[in-house]
């Protein structure tokens, strides 16, 4: 094969790899934004539960402590500048568990005095 074809092929492969890295970075950024939005929505759900009387003060304190733990986990995961798929899944499971706990406590028939 002529040398020009090898060079052209290497350039194309390099461009494809570079474009792929940009897509991965955008995907990781999207995951981080999604995690942040979800944390905000869950904090709003806790605040709404307190305002409506569905959550007691001890329930509120426990859920806020859980959200702070999730925040710290997120900080550790983002510390190296990338969040792997496995790390994102772990974060998602923690958020799912917290979300179920919020729903359960809001509907457990306990009322704020």
PDB file of N, CA and C in Angstrom:
ATOM      1  N   UNK A   1       0.847  -1.180   0.000  1.00  0.00           N
ATOM      2  CA  UNK A   1       0.000   0.000   0.000  1.00  0.00           C
ATOM      3  C   UNK A   1       0.885   1.234   0.000  1.00  0.00           C
ATOM      4  N   UNK A   2       0.467   2.257  -0.727  1.00  0.00           N
ATOM      5  CA  UNK A   2       1.249   3.492  -0.723  1.00  0.00           C
ATOM      6  C   UNK A   2       1.224   4.136   0.656  1.00  0.00           C
ATOM      7  N   UNK A   3       2.293   4.883   0.952  1.00  0.00           N
ATOM      8  CA  UNK A   3       2.450   5.521   2.247  1.00  0.00           C
ATOM      9  C   UNK A   3       1.347   6.537   2.527  1.00  0.00           C
ATOM     10  N   UNK A   4       0.851   7.230   1.513  1.00  0.00           N
ATOM     11  CA  UNK A   4      -0.198   8.238   1.678  1.00  0.00           C
ATOM     12  C   UNK A   4      -1.488   7.611   2.204  1.00  0.00           C
ATOM     13  N   UNK A   5      -1.798   6.412   1.747  1.00  0.00           N
ATOM     14  CA  UNK A   5      -3.020   5.734   2.200  1.00  0.00           C
ATOM     15  C   UNK A   5      -2.899   5.383   3.681  1.00  0.00           C
ATOM     16  N   UNK A   6      -1.722   4.917   4.113  1.00  0.00           N
ATOM     17  CA  UNK A   6      -1.499   4.595   5.516  1.00  0.00           C
ATOM     18  C   UNK A   6      -1.662   5.842   6.385  1.00  0.00           C
ATOM     19  N   UNK A   7      -1.102   6.956   5.921  1.00  0.00           N
ATOM     20  CA  UNK A   7      -1.197   8.203   6.677  1.00  0.00           C
ATOM     21  C   UNK A   7      -2.646   8.659   6.757  1.00  0.00           C
ATOM     22  N   UNK A   8      -3.356   8.605   5.651  1.00  0.00           N
ATOM     23  CA  UNK A   8      -4.757   9.014   5.618  1.00  0.00           C
ATOM     24  C   UNK A   8      -5.590   8.129   6.544  1.00  0.00           C
ATOM     25  N   UNK A   9      -5.345   6.832   6.498  1.00  0.00           N
ATOM     26  CA  UNK A   9      -6.084   5.898   7.348  1.00  0.00           C
ATOM     27  C   UNK A   9      -5.802   6.189   8.825  1.00  0.00           C
ATOM     28  N   UNK A  10      -4.548   6.468   9.169  1.00  0.00           N
ATOM     29  CA  UNK A  10      -4.188   6.792  10.558  1.00  0.00           C
ATOM     30  C   UNK A  10      -4.876   8.082  11.006  1.00  0.00           C
ATOM     31  N   UNK A  11      -4.953   9.064  10.107  1.00  0.00           N
ATOM     32  CA  UNK A  11      -5.638  10.313  10.444  1.00  0.00           C
ATOM     33  C   UNK A  11      -7.120  10.082  10.689  1.00  0.00           C
ATOM     34  N   UNK A  12      -7.738   9.268   9.847  1.00  0.00           N
ATOM     35  CA  UNK A  12      -9.167   8.966  10.005  1.00  0.00           C
ATOM     36  C   UNK A  12      -9.403   8.240  11.323  1.00  0.00           C
ATOM     37  N   UNK A  13      -8.560   7.256  11.640  1.00  0.00           N
ATOM     38  CA  UNK A  13      -8.713   6.526  12.906  1.00  0.00           C
ATOM     39  C   UNK A  13      -8.512   7.456  14.102  1.00  0.00           C
ATOM     40  N   UNK A  14      -7.549   8.356  13.997  1.00  0.00           N
ATOM     41  CA  UNK A  14      -7.316   9.319  15.062  1.00  0.00           C
ATOM     42  C   UNK A  14      -8.495  10.246  15.257  1.00  0.00           C
ATOM     43  N   UNK A  15      -9.082  10.699  14.155  1.00  0.00           N
ATOM     44  CA  UNK A  15     -10.240  11.584  14.219  1.00  0.00           C
ATOM     45  C   UNK A  15     -11.435  10.865  14.843  1.00  0.00           C
ATOM     46  N   UNK A  16     -11.635   9.618  14.454  1.00  0.00           N
ATOM     47  CA  UNK A  16     -12.742   8.840  15.010  1.00  0.00           C
ATOM     48  C   UNK A  16     -12.529   8.644  16.523  1.00  0.00           C
ATOM     49  N   UNK A  17     -11.307   8.334  16.929  1.00  0.00           N
ATOM     50  CA  UNK A  17     -11.024   8.140  18.358  1.00  0.00           C
ATOM     51  C   UNK A  17     -11.227   9.442  19.115  1.00  0.00           C
ATOM     52  N   UNK A  18     -10.778  10.556  18.560  1.00  0.00           N
ATOM     53  CA  UNK A  18     -10.929  11.855  19.212  1.00  0.00           C
ATOM     54  C   UNK A  18     -12.403  12.215  19.359  1.00  0.00           C
ATOM     55  N   UNK A  19     -13.182  11.982  18.311  1.00  0.00           N
ATOM     56  CA  UNK A  19     -14.622  12.260  18.361  1.00  0.00           C
ATOM     57  C   UNK A  19     -15.298  11.386  19.415  1.00  0.00           C
ATOM     58  N   UNK A  20     -14.881  10.141  19.511  1.00  0.00           N
ATOM     59  CA  UNK A  20     -15.440   9.228  20.513  1.00  0.00           C
ATOM     60  C   UNK A  20     -15.153   9.695  21.921  1.00  0.00           C
ATOM     61  N   UNK A  21     -13.950  10.238  22.149  1.00  0.00           N
ATOM     62  CA  UNK A  21     -13.618  10.743  23.485  1.00  0.00           C
ATOM     63  C   UNK A  21     -14.505  11.926  23.845  1.00  0.00           C
ATOM     64  N   UNK A  22     -14.797  12.773  22.882  1.00  0.00           N
ATOM     65  CA  UNK A  22     -15.688  13.908  23.131  1.00  0.00           C
ATOM     66  C   UNK A  22     -17.083  13.434  23.491  1.00  0.00           C
ATOM     67  N   UNK A  23     -17.541  12.397  22.813  1.00  0.00           N
ATOM     68  CA  UNK A  23     -18.870  11.854  23.113  1.00  0.00           C
ATOM     69  C   UNK A  23     -18.905  11.262  24.516  1.00  0.00           C
ATOM     70  N   UNK A  24     -17.814  10.578  24.908  1.00  0.00           N
ATOM     71  CA  UNK A  24     -17.762  10.017  26.254  1.00  0.00           C
ATOM     72  C   UNK A  24     -17.756  11.115  27.309  1.00  0.00           C
ATOM     73  N   UNK A  25     -17.022  12.183  27.058  1.00  0.00           N
ATOM     74  CA  UNK A  25     -16.980  13.295  28.008  1.00  0.00           C
ATOM     75  C   UNK A  25     -18.357  13.945  28.126  1.00  0.00           C
ATOM     76  N   UNK A  26     -19.044  14.100  26.996  1.00  0.00           N
ATOM     77  CA  UNK A  26     -20.385  14.685  27.014  1.00  0.00           C
ATOM     78  C   UNK A  26     -21.347  13.775  27.772  1.00  0.00           C
ATOM     79  N   UNK A  27     -21.197  12.465  27.585  1.00  0.00           N
ATOM     80  CA  UNK A  27     -22.064  11.512  28.279  1.00  0.00           C
ATOM     81  C   UNK A  27     -21.834  11.577  29.791  1.00  0.00           C
ATOM     82  N   UNK A  28     -20.566  11.648  30.210  1.00  0.00           N
ATOM     83  CA  UNK A  28     -20.261  11.740  31.640  1.00  0.00           C
ATOM     84  C   UNK A  28     -20.820  13.032  32.223  1.00  0.00           C
ATOM     85  N   UNK A  29     -20.727  14.122  31.452  1.00  0.00           N
ATOM     86  CA  UNK A  29     -21.262  15.398  31.924  1.00  0.00           C
ATOM     87  C   UNK A  29     -22.776  15.314  32.053  1.00  0.00           C
ATOM     88  N   UNK A  30     -23.430  14.646  31.105  1.00  0.00           N
ATOM     89  CA  UNK A  30     -24.873  14.468  31.153  1.00  0.00           C
ATOM     90  C   UNK A  30     -25.262  13.656  32.387  1.00  0.00           C
ATOM     91  N   UNK A  31     -24.497  12.594  32.683  1.00  0.00           N
ATOM     92  CA  UNK A  31     -24.768  11.796  33.885  1.00  0.00           C
ATOM     93  C   UNK A  31     -24.659  12.650  35.138  1.00  0.00           C
ATOM     94  N   UNK A  32     -23.634  13.489  35.191  1.00  0.00           N
ATOM     95  CA  UNK A  32     -23.432  14.345  36.370  1.00  0.00           C
ATOM     96  C   UNK A  32     -24.596  15.324  36.525  1.00  0.00           C
ATOM     97  N   UNK A  33     -25.048  15.901  35.418  1.00  0.00           N
ATOM     98  CA  UNK A  33     -26.186  16.825  35.479  1.00  0.00           C
ATOM     99  C   UNK A  33     -27.451  16.108  35.929  1.00  0.00           C
ATOM    100  N   UNK A  34     -27.637  14.891  35.414  1.00  0.00           N
ATOM    101  CA  UNK A  34     -28.826  14.118  35.792  1.00  0.00           C
ATOM    102  C   UNK A  34     -28.803  13.798  37.286  1.00  0.00           C
ATOM    103  N   UNK A  35     -27.609  13.445  37.807  1.00  0.00           N
ATOM    104  CA  UNK A  35     -27.495  13.162  39.242  1.00  0.00           C
ATOM    105  C   UNK A  35     -27.829  14.402  40.063  1.00  0.00           C
ATOM    106  N   UNK A  36     -27.319  15.549  39.632  1.00  0.00           N
ATOM    107  CA  UNK A  36     -27.577  16.794  40.365  1.00  0.00           C
ATOM    108  C   UNK A  36     -29.056  17.157  40.342  1.00  0.00           C
ATOM    109  N   UNK A  37     -29.694  17.018  39.182  1.00  0.00           N
ATOM    110  CA  UNK A  37     -31.128  17.333  39.091  1.00  0.00           C
ATOM    111  C   UNK A  37     -31.936  16.401  39.987  1.00  0.00           C
ATOM    112  N   UNK A  38     -31.560  15.133  40.002  1.00  0.00           N
ATOM    113  CA  UNK A  38     -32.301  14.184  40.819  1.00  0.00           C
ATOM    114  C   UNK A  38     -32.148  14.510  42.305  1.00  0.00           C
ATOM    115  N   UNK A  39     -30.939  14.860  42.726  1.00  0.00           N
ATOM    116  CA  UNK A  39     -30.739  15.255  44.125  1.00  0.00           C
ATOM    117  C   UNK A  39     -31.600  16.454  44.479  1.00  0.00           C
ATOM    118  N   UNK A  40     -31.673  17.420  43.574  1.00  0.00           N
ATOM    119  CA  UNK A  40     -32.496  18.606  43.821  1.00  0.00           C
ATOM    120  C   UNK A  40     -33.974  18.246  43.929  1.00  0.00           C
ATOM    121  N   UNK A  41     -34.451  17.380  43.048  1.00  0.00           N
ATOM    122  CA  UNK A  41     -35.868  16.971  43.109  1.00  0.00           C
ATOM    123  C   UNK A  41     -36.168  16.249  44.417  1.00  0.00           C
ATOM    124  N   UNK A  42     -35.252  15.405  44.864  1.00  0.00           N
ATOM    125  CA  UNK A  42     -35.493  14.674  46.109  1.00  0.00           C
ATOM    126  C   UNK A  42     -35.473  15.620  47.308  1.00  0.00           C
ATOM    127  N   UNK A  43     -34.606  16.614  47.283  1.00  0.00           N
ATOM    128  CA  UNK A  43     -34.597  17.610  48.359  1.00  0.00           C
ATOM    129  C   UNK A  43     -35.920  18.377  48.373  1.00  0.00           C
ATOM    130  N   UNK A  44     -36.437  18.691  47.186  1.00  0.00           N
ATOM    131  CA  UNK A  44     -37.736  19.370  47.101  1.00  0.00           C
ATOM    132  C   UNK A  44     -38.849  18.486  47.646  1.00  0.00           C
ATOM    133  N   UNK A  45     -38.782  17.189  47.376  1.00  0.00           N
ATOM    134  CA  UNK A  45     -39.799  16.265  47.884  1.00  0.00           C
ATOM    135  C   UNK A  45     -39.762  16.224  49.409  1.00  0.00           C
ATOM    136  N   UNK A  46     -38.570  16.241  49.978  1.00  0.00           N
ATOM    137  CA  UNK A  46     -38.441  16.241  51.442  1.00  0.00           C
ATOM    138  C   UNK A  46     -39.028  17.535  52.003  1.00  0.00           C
ATOM    139  N   UNK A  47     -38.660  18.664  51.401  1.00  0.00           N
ATOM    140  CA  UNK A  47     -39.182  19.957  51.867  1.00  0.00           C
ATOM    141  C   UNK A  47     -40.704  20.008  51.764  1.00  0.00           C
ATOM    142  N   UNK A  48     -41.239  19.494  50.673  1.00  0.00           N
ATOM    143  CA  UNK A  48     -42.691  19.490  50.474  1.00  0.00           C
ATOM    144  C   UNK A  48     -43.357  18.606  51.525  1.00  0.00           C
ATOM    145  N   UNK A  49     -42.735  17.471  51.843  1.00  0.00           N
ATOM    146  CA  UNK A  49     -43.299  16.569  52.852  1.00  0.00           C
ATOM    147  C   UNK A  49     -43.331  17.212  54.233  1.00  0.00           C
ATOM    148  N   UNK A  50     -42.296  17.980  54.550  1.00  0.00           N
ATOM    149  CA  UNK A  50     -42.256  18.691  55.838  1.00  0.00           C
ATOM    150  C   UNK A  50     -43.340  19.767  55.859  1.00  0.00           C
ATOM    151  N   UNK A  51     -43.441  20.530  54.770  1.00  0.00           N
ATOM    152  CA  UNK A  51     -44.422  21.621  54.700  1.00  0.00           C
ATOM    153  C   UNK A  51     -45.853  21.103  54.801  1.00  0.00           C
ATOM    154  N   UNK A  52     -46.119  19.940  54.207  1.00  0.00           N
ATOM    155  CA  UNK A  52     -47.481  19.405  54.229  1.00  0.00           C
ATOM    156  C   UNK A  52     -47.790  18.634  55.506  1.00  0.00           C
ATOM    157  N   UNK A  53     -46.762  18.377  56.318  1.00  0.00           N
ATOM    158  CA  UNK A  53     -46.978  17.624  57.546  1.00  0.00           C
ATOM    159  C   UNK A  53     -46.859  16.125  57.352  1.00  0.00           C
ATOM    160  N   UNK A  54     -46.525  15.670  56.150  1.00  0.00           N
ATOM    161  CA  UNK A  54     -46.394  14.235  55.899  1.00  0.00           C
ATOM    162  C   UNK A  54     -45.119  13.657  56.507  1.00  0.00           C
ATOM    163  N   UNK A  55     -44.128  14.506  56.734  1.00  0.00           N
ATOM    164  CA  UNK A  55     -42.867  14.050  57.313  1.00  0.00           C
ATOM    165  C   UNK A  55     -42.675  14.675  58.689  1.00  0.00           C
ATOM    166  N   UNK A  56     -42.254  13.843  59.624  1.00  0.00           N
ATOM    167  CA  UNK A  56     -41.929  14.347  60.951  1.00  0.00           C
ATOM    168  C   UNK A  56     -40.507  14.899  60.932  1.00  0.00           C
ATOM    169  N   UNK A  57     -40.141  15.650  61.956  1.00  0.00           N
ATOM    170  CA  UNK A  57     -38.780  16.205  62.044  1.00  0.00           C
ATOM    171  C   UNK A  57     -37.710  15.113  62.073  1.00  0.00           C
ATOM    172  N   UNK A  58     -37.903  14.029  62.847  1.00  0.00           N
ATOM    173  CA  UNK A  58     -36.889  12.964  62.821  1.00  0.00           C
ATOM    174  C   UNK A  58     -36.751  12.324  61.432  1.00  0.00           C
ATOM    175  N   UNK A  59     -37.882  12.131  60.737  1.00  0.00           N
ATOM    176  CA  UNK A  59     -37.821  11.585  59.381  1.00  0.00           C
ATOM    177  C   UNK A  59     -37.065  12.544  58.467  1.00  0.00           C
ATOM    178  N   UNK A  60     -37.354  13.820  58.588  1.00  0.00           N
ATOM    179  CA  UNK A  60     -36.675  14.824  57.778  1.00  0.00           C
ATOM    180  C   UNK A  60     -35.164  14.784  58.035  1.00  0.00           C
ATOM    181  N   UNK A  61     -34.781  14.757  59.304  1.00  0.00           N
ATOM    182  CA  UNK A  61     -33.355  14.748  59.654  1.00  0.00           C
ATOM    183  C   UNK A  61     -32.661  13.510  59.090  1.00  0.00           C
ATOM    184  N   UNK A  62     -33.325  12.372  59.185  1.00  0.00           N
ATOM    185  CA  UNK A  62     -32.739  11.129  58.686  1.00  0.00           C
ATOM    186  C   UNK A  62     -32.570  11.184  57.167  1.00  0.00           C
ATOM    187  N   UNK A  63     -33.583  11.670  56.472  1.00  0.00           N
ATOM    188  CA  UNK A  63     -33.506  11.733  55.005  1.00  0.00           C
ATOM    189  C   UNK A  63     -32.484  12.753  54.535  1.00  0.00           C
ATOM    190  N   UNK A  64     -32.378  13.865  55.233  1.00  0.00           N
ATOM    191  CA  UNK A  64     -31.373  14.861  54.858  1.00  0.00           C
ATOM    192  C   UNK A  64     -29.966  14.329  55.103  1.00  0.00           C
ATOM    193  N   UNK A  65     -29.798  13.554  56.169  1.00  0.00           N
ATOM    194  CA  UNK A  65     -28.499  12.936  56.444  1.00  0.00           C
ATOM    195  C   UNK A  65     -28.157  11.940  55.320  1.00  0.00           C
ATOM    196  N   UNK A  66     -29.152  11.188  54.874  1.00  0.00           N
ATOM    197  CA  UNK A  66     -28.940  10.235  53.773  1.00  0.00           C
ATOM    198  C   UNK A  66     -28.554  10.986  52.495  1.00  0.00           C
ATOM    199  N   UNK A  67     -29.210  12.107  52.219  1.00  0.00           N
ATOM    200  CA  UNK A  67     -28.888  12.886  51.019  1.00  0.00           C
ATOM    201  C   UNK A  67     -27.471  13.457  51.111  1.00  0.00           C
ATOM    202  N   UNK A  68     -27.046  13.857  52.316  1.00  0.00           N
ATOM    203  CA  UNK A  68     -25.680  14.350  52.489  1.00  0.00           C
ATOM    204  C   UNK A  68     -24.667  13.243  52.220  1.00  0.00           C
ATOM    205  N   UNK A  69     -24.988  12.024  52.644  1.00  0.00           N
ATOM    206  CA  UNK A  69     -24.123  10.878  52.367  1.00  0.00           C
ATOM    207  C   UNK A  69     -24.008  10.652  50.860  1.00  0.00           C
ATOM    208  N   UNK A  70     -25.136  10.777  50.170  1.00  0.00           N
ATOM    209  CA  UNK A  70     -25.140  10.613  48.714  1.00  0.00           C
ATOM    210  C   UNK A  70     -24.320  11.724  48.063  1.00  0.00           C
ATOM    211  N   UNK A  71     -24.428  12.948  48.584  1.00  0.00           N
ATOM    212  CA  UNK A  71     -23.619  14.069  48.068  1.00  0.00           C
ATOM    213  C   UNK A  71     -22.128  13.774  48.210  1.00  0.00           C
ATOM    214  N   UNK A  72     -21.739  13.253  49.359  1.00  0.00           N
ATOM    215  CA  UNK A  72     -20.319  12.936  49.574  1.00  0.00           C
ATOM    216  C   UNK A  72     -19.864  11.830  48.617  1.00  0.00           C
ATOM    217  N   UNK A  73     -20.728  10.822  48.403  1.00  0.00           N
ATOM    218  CA  UNK A  73     -20.405   9.753  47.471  1.00  0.00           C
ATOM    219  C   UNK A  73     -20.204  10.331  46.072  1.00  0.00           C
ATOM    220  N   UNK A  74     -21.092  11.212  45.676  1.00  0.00           N
ATOM    221  CA  UNK A  74     -20.986  11.834  44.354  1.00  0.00           C
ATOM    222  C   UNK A  74     -19.679  12.614  44.232  1.00  0.00           C
ATOM    223  N   UNK A  75     -19.317  13.351  45.274  1.00  0.00           N
ATOM    224  CA  UNK A  75     -18.065  14.101  45.258  1.00  0.00           C
ATOM    225  C   UNK A  75     -16.856  13.192  45.078  1.00  0.00           C
ATOM    226  N   UNK A  76     -16.869  12.052  45.773  1.00  0.00           N
ATOM    227  CA  UNK A  76     -15.763  11.098  45.621  1.00  0.00           C
ATOM    228  C   UNK A  76     -15.721  10.524  44.214  1.00  0.00           C
ATOM    229  N   UNK A  77     -16.907  10.238  43.650  1.00  0.00           N
ATOM    230  CA  UNK A  77     -16.948   9.657  42.310  1.00  0.00           C
ATOM    231  C   UNK A  77     -16.478  10.651  41.250  1.00  0.00           C
ATOM    232  N   UNK A  78     -16.793  11.926  41.441  1.00  0.00           N
ATOM    233  CA  UNK A  78     -16.416  12.953  40.472  1.00  0.00           C
ATOM    234  C   UNK A  78     -14.997  13.472  40.674  1.00  0.00           C
ATOM    235  N   UNK A  79     -14.352  13.106  41.780  1.00  0.00           N
ATOM    236  CA  UNK A  79     -13.048  13.672  42.141  1.00  0.00           C
ATOM    237  C   UNK A  79     -11.984  13.433  41.075  1.00  0.00           C
ATOM    238  N   UNK A  80     -12.016  12.295  40.412  1.00  0.00           N
ATOM    239  CA  UNK A  80     -10.999  12.015  39.409  1.00  0.00           C
ATOM    240  C   UNK A  80     -11.358  12.565  38.029  1.00  0.00           C
ATOM    241  N   UNK A  81     -12.470  13.288  37.943  1.00  0.00           N
ATOM    242  CA  UNK A  81     -12.855  13.926  36.686  1.00  0.00           C
ATOM    243  C   UNK A  81     -13.688  13.068  35.767  1.00  0.00           C
ATOM    244  N   UNK A  82     -13.955  11.831  36.162  1.00  0.00           N
ATOM    245  CA  UNK A  82     -14.791  10.973  35.319  1.00  0.00           C
ATOM    246  C   UNK A  82     -15.632  10.068  36.214  1.00  0.00           C
ATOM    247  N   UNK A  83     -16.803   9.761  35.721  1.00  0.00           N
ATOM    248  CA  UNK A  83     -17.699   8.850  36.426  1.00  0.00           C
ATOM    249  C   UNK A  83     -17.914   7.665  35.492  1.00  0.00           C
ATOM    250  N   UNK A  84     -17.443   6.497  35.902  1.00  0.00           N
ATOM    251  CA  UNK A  84     -17.589   5.315  35.066  1.00  0.00           C
ATOM    252  C   UNK A  84     -19.043   4.849  35.084  1.00  0.00           C
ATOM    253  N   UNK A  85     -19.376   3.978  34.181  1.00  0.00           N
ATOM    254  CA  UNK A  85     -20.729   3.429  34.139  1.00  0.00           C
ATOM    255  C   UNK A  85     -21.079   2.698  35.419  1.00  0.00           C
ATOM    256  N   UNK A  86     -20.107   1.973  35.962  1.00  0.00           N
ATOM    257  CA  UNK A  86     -20.332   1.230  37.204  1.00  0.00           C
ATOM    258  C   UNK A  86     -20.559   2.200  38.367  1.00  0.00           C
ATOM    259  N   UNK A  87     -19.797   3.287  38.398  1.00  0.00           N
ATOM    260  CA  UNK A  87     -19.973   4.282  39.458  1.00  0.00           C
ATOM    261  C   UNK A  87     -21.323   4.975  39.325  1.00  0.00           C
ATOM    262  N   UNK A  88     -21.714   5.296  38.089  1.00  0.00           N
ATOM    263  CA  UNK A  88     -23.012   5.937  37.865  1.00  0.00           C
ATOM    264  C   UNK A  88     -24.146   5.013  38.299  1.00  0.00           C
ATOM    265  N   UNK A  89     -24.000   3.716  38.033  1.00  0.00           N
ATOM    266  CA  UNK A  89     -25.031   2.749  38.434  1.00  0.00           C
ATOM    267  C   UNK A  89     -25.120   2.663  39.955  1.00  0.00           C
ATOM    268  N   UNK A  90     -23.968   2.709  40.633  1.00  0.00           N
ATOM    269  CA  UNK A  90     -23.961   2.676  42.102  1.00  0.00           C
ATOM    270  C   UNK A  90     -24.659   3.903  42.667  1.00  0.00           C
ATOM    271  N   UNK A  91     -24.388   5.039  42.071  1.00  0.00           N
ATOM    272  CA  UNK A  91     -25.018   6.291  42.493  1.00  0.00           C
ATOM    273  C   UNK A  91     -26.531   6.229  42.258  1.00  0.00           C
ATOM    274  N   UNK A  92     -26.917   5.683  41.121  1.00  0.00           N
ATOM    275  CA  UNK A  92     -28.336   5.551  40.779  1.00  0.00           C
ATOM    276  C   UNK A  92     -29.053   4.657  41.787  1.00  0.00           C
ATOM    277  N   UNK A  93     -28.409   3.565  42.185  1.00  0.00           N
ATOM    278  CA  UNK A  93     -29.025   2.666  43.190  1.00  0.00           C
ATOM    279  C   UNK A  93     -29.203   3.378  44.525  1.00  0.00           C
ATOM    280  N   UNK A  94     -28.209   4.161  44.922  1.00  0.00           N
ATOM    281  CA  UNK A  94     -28.322   4.907  46.186  1.00  0.00           C
ATOM    282  C   UNK A  94     -29.470   5.908  46.107  1.00  0.00           C
ATOM    283  N   UNK A  95     -29.594   6.577  44.967  1.00  0.00           N
ATOM    284  CA  UNK A  95     -30.693   7.535  44.793  1.00  0.00           C
ATOM    285  C   UNK A  95     -32.045   6.817  44.760  1.00  0.00           C
ATOM    286  N   UNK A  96     -32.102   5.654  44.117  1.00  0.00           N
ATOM    287  CA  UNK A  96     -33.355   4.878  44.083  1.00  0.00           C
ATOM    288  C   UNK A  96     -33.801   4.503  45.493  1.00  0.00           C
ATOM    289  N   UNK A  97     -32.833   4.046  46.288  1.00  0.00           N
ATOM    290  CA  UNK A  97     -33.147   3.646  47.666  1.00  0.00           C
ATOM    291  C   UNK A  97     -33.644   4.843  48.473  1.00  0.00           C
ATOM    292  N   UNK A  98     -32.975   5.982  48.316  1.00  0.00           N
ATOM    293  CA  UNK A  98     -33.398   7.194  49.036  1.00  0.00           C
ATOM    294  C   UNK A  98     -34.788   7.628  48.584  1.00  0.00           C
ATOM    295  N   UNK A  99     -35.057   7.519  47.290  1.00  0.00           N
ATOM    296  CA  UNK A  99     -36.362   7.913  46.762  1.00  0.00           C
ATOM    297  C   UNK A  99     -37.479   7.041  47.333  1.00  0.00           C
ATOM    298  N   UNK A 100     -37.225   5.733  47.403  1.00  0.00           N
ATOM    299  CA  UNK A 100     -38.225   4.827  47.983  1.00  0.00           C
ATOM    300  C   UNK A 100     -38.473   5.157  49.453  1.00  0.00           C
ATOM    301  N   UNK A 101     -37.394   5.489  50.166  1.00  0.00           N
ATOM    302  CA  UNK A 101     -37.525   5.836  51.586  1.00  0.00           C
ATOM    303  C   UNK A 101     -38.356   7.106  51.753  1.00  0.00           C
ATOM    304  N   UNK A 102     -38.136   8.101  50.881  1.00  0.00           N
ATOM    305  CA  UNK A 102     -38.917   9.343  50.938  1.00  0.00           C
ATOM    306  C   UNK A 102     -40.396   9.031  50.730  1.00  0.00           C
ATOM    307  N   UNK A 103     -40.694   8.253  49.702  1.00  0.00           N
ATOM    308  CA  UNK A 103     -42.093   7.907  49.404  1.00  0.00           C
ATOM    309  C   UNK A 103     -42.726   7.148  50.569  1.00  0.00           C
ATOM    310  N   UNK A 104     -41.994   6.180  51.104  1.00  0.00           N
ATOM    311  CA  UNK A 104     -42.530   5.377  52.199  1.00  0.00           C
ATOM    312  C   UNK A 104     -42.820   6.249  53.421  1.00  0.00           C
ATOM    313  N   UNK A 105     -41.894   7.136  53.759  1.00  0.00           N
ATOM    314  CA  UNK A 105     -42.093   7.981  54.934  1.00  0.00           C
ATOM    315  C   UNK A 105     -43.182   9.031  54.727  1.00  0.00           C
ATOM    316  N   UNK A 106     -43.347   9.486  53.492  1.00  0.00           N
ATOM    317  CA  UNK A 106     -44.401  10.479  53.244  1.00  0.00           C
ATOM    318  C   UNK A 106     -45.794   9.860  53.341  1.00  0.00           C
ATOM    319  N   UNK A 107     -45.882   8.557  53.161  1.00  0.00           N
ATOM    320  CA  UNK A 107     -47.191   7.895  53.138  1.00  0.00           C
ATOM    321  C   UNK A 107     -47.375   6.891  54.258  1.00  0.00           C
ATOM    322  N   UNK A 108     -46.652   7.083  55.362  1.00  0.00           N
ATOM    323  CA  UNK A 108     -46.743   6.110  56.456  1.00  0.00           C
ATOM    324  C   UNK A 108     -47.764   6.503  57.522  1.00  0.00           C
ATOM    325  N   UNK A 109     -48.599   7.466  57.225  1.00  0.00           N
ATOM    326  CA  UNK A 109     -49.684   7.912  58.103  1.00  0.00           C
ATOM    327  C   UNK A 109     -49.203   8.601  59.368  1.00  0.00           C
ATOM    328  N   UNK A 110     -47.910   8.849  59.499  1.00  0.00           N
ATOM    329  CA  UNK A 110     -47.436   9.667  60.618  1.00  0.00           C
ATOM    330  C   UNK A 110     -47.607  11.114  60.209  1.00  0.00           C
ATOM    331  N   UNK A 111     -48.021  11.906  61.139  1.00  0.00           N
ATOM    332  CA  UNK A 111     -48.203  13.326  60.852  1.00  0.00           C
ATOM    333  C   UNK A 111     -47.307  14.136  61.780  1.00  0.00           C
ATOM    334  N   UNK A 112     -46.824  15.248  61.281  1.00  0.00           N
ATOM    335  CA  UNK A 112     -46.043  16.148  62.103  1.00  0.00           C
ATOM    336  C   UNK A 112     -46.970  16.734  63.169  1.00  0.00           C
ATOM    337  N   UNK A 113     -46.539  16.738  64.434  1.00  0.00           N
ATOM    338  CA  UNK A 113     -47.421  17.276  65.490  1.00  0.00           C
ATOM    339  C   UNK A 113     -47.664  18.762  65.344  1.00  0.00           C
TER     340      UNK A 113
END
